[in-house]
Amino acid sequence: MVIEVEDRGPGVDAGEAPRLLRPFAKGQAQPARGPDGAGLGLPIALLLSRAMGGDLDIRTGRGEGFTATVSLPAA
């Protein structure tokens, strides 16, 4: 099973993506938006997907939005 969540926001630099999988790490907030979240959503999604035998992949680029894909084995 594959679950994909995509947003069309500003994205982050592709080299910054692996860091976002660590607890409390956050991307560069847009000045108008201010700080958002605690930086736990992606690390929790990664741990849960791996606990179920799957994985989490993130794709992003500055100005390209953000896509998180969770892949889980079939039951």
Protein backbone atom coordinates (compact mmCIF):
# COMPACT_ATOMS: atom_id res chain seq x y z
CA MET A 1 0.00 0.00 0.00
CA VAL A 2 1.26 3.46 -0.82
CA ILE A 3 -0.01 6.65 0.80
CA GLU A 4 1.17 9.90 -0.71
CA VAL A 5 0.64 13.36 0.76
CA GLU A 6 1.57 16.35 -1.35
CA ASP A 7 1.51 20.07 -0.80
CA ARG A 8 2.24 22.84 -3.25
CA GLY A 9 3.91 25.14 -0.74
CA PRO A 10 7.39 26.62 -1.06
CA GLY A 11 9.18 23.35 -0.29
CA VAL A 12 12.68 23.19 1.19
CA ASP A 13 16.10 22.66 -0.32
CA ALA A 14 16.46 18.99 -1.34
CA GLY A 15 19.64 18.67 0.73
CA GLU A 16 17.67 19.65 3.83
CA ALA A 17 15.13 16.81 3.44
CA PRO A 18 17.03 14.08 5.38
CA ARG A 19 17.41 16.43 8.36
CA LEU A 20 13.62 16.82 8.54
CA LEU A 21 13.32 13.15 9.54
CA ARG A 22 15.07 13.87 12.86
CA PRO A 23 12.90 14.85 15.87
CA PHE A 24 12.40 18.59 16.39
CA ALA A 25 14.05 19.52 13.08
CA LYS A 26 12.06 22.08 11.11
CA GLY A 27 12.39 23.57 7.66
CA GLN A 28 12.95 27.24 7.04
CA ALA A 29 9.66 28.93 8.00
CA GLN A 30 8.32 31.56 5.65
CA PRO A 31 8.56 34.97 7.37
CA ALA A 32 4.83 35.65 6.94
CA ARG A 33 3.86 32.30 8.47
CA GLY A 34 6.10 32.27 11.53
CA PRO A 35 7.08 29.05 13.33
CA ASP A 36 4.82 26.06 12.68
CA GLY A 37 4.71 22.71 14.44
CA ALA A 38 7.13 20.99 16.79
CA GLY A 39 9.08 19.12 14.14
CA LEU A 40 7.72 15.71 15.16
CA GLY A 41 5.28 14.76 12.39
CA LEU A 42 7.76 13.33 9.87
CA PRO A 43 9.91 11.51 12.46
CA ILE A 44 6.80 9.88 13.96
CA ALA A 45 5.51 8.90 10.49
CA LEU A 46 8.94 7.39 9.70
CA LEU A 47 9.04 5.36 12.94
CA LEU A 48 5.47 4.12 12.52
CA SER A 49 5.93 3.13 8.89
CA ARG A 50 9.16 1.23 9.70
CA ALA A 51 7.47 -0.48 12.69
CA MET A 52 4.91 -1.86 10.21
CA GLY A 53 7.59 -3.08 7.80
CA GLY A 54 7.40 -0.10 5.48
CA ASP A 55 9.25 3.13 4.89
CA LEU A 56 8.80 6.87 4.37
CA ASP A 57 10.26 8.81 1.46
CA ILE A 58 10.18 12.57 1.12
CA ARG A 59 10.73 14.61 -2.03
CA THR A 60 11.06 18.36 -2.08
CA GLY A 61 12.87 21.23 -3.66
CA ARG A 62 12.85 24.97 -3.13
CA GLY A 63 9.79 26.28 -4.93
CA GLU A 64 8.59 22.74 -5.81
CA GLY A 65 6.36 21.83 -2.87
CA PHE A 66 6.74 18.76 -0.68
CA THR A 67 5.69 15.11 -1.09
CA ALA A 68 5.76 12.46 1.64
CA THR A 69 5.19 8.85 0.57
CA VAL A 70 4.56 6.02 3.03
CA SER A 71 4.98 2.52 1.59
CA LEU A 72 3.61 -0.41 3.60
CA PRO A 73 3.65 -4.13 2.82
CA ALA A 74 0.37 -5.80 1.88
CA ALA A 75 -1.34 -7.69 4.74
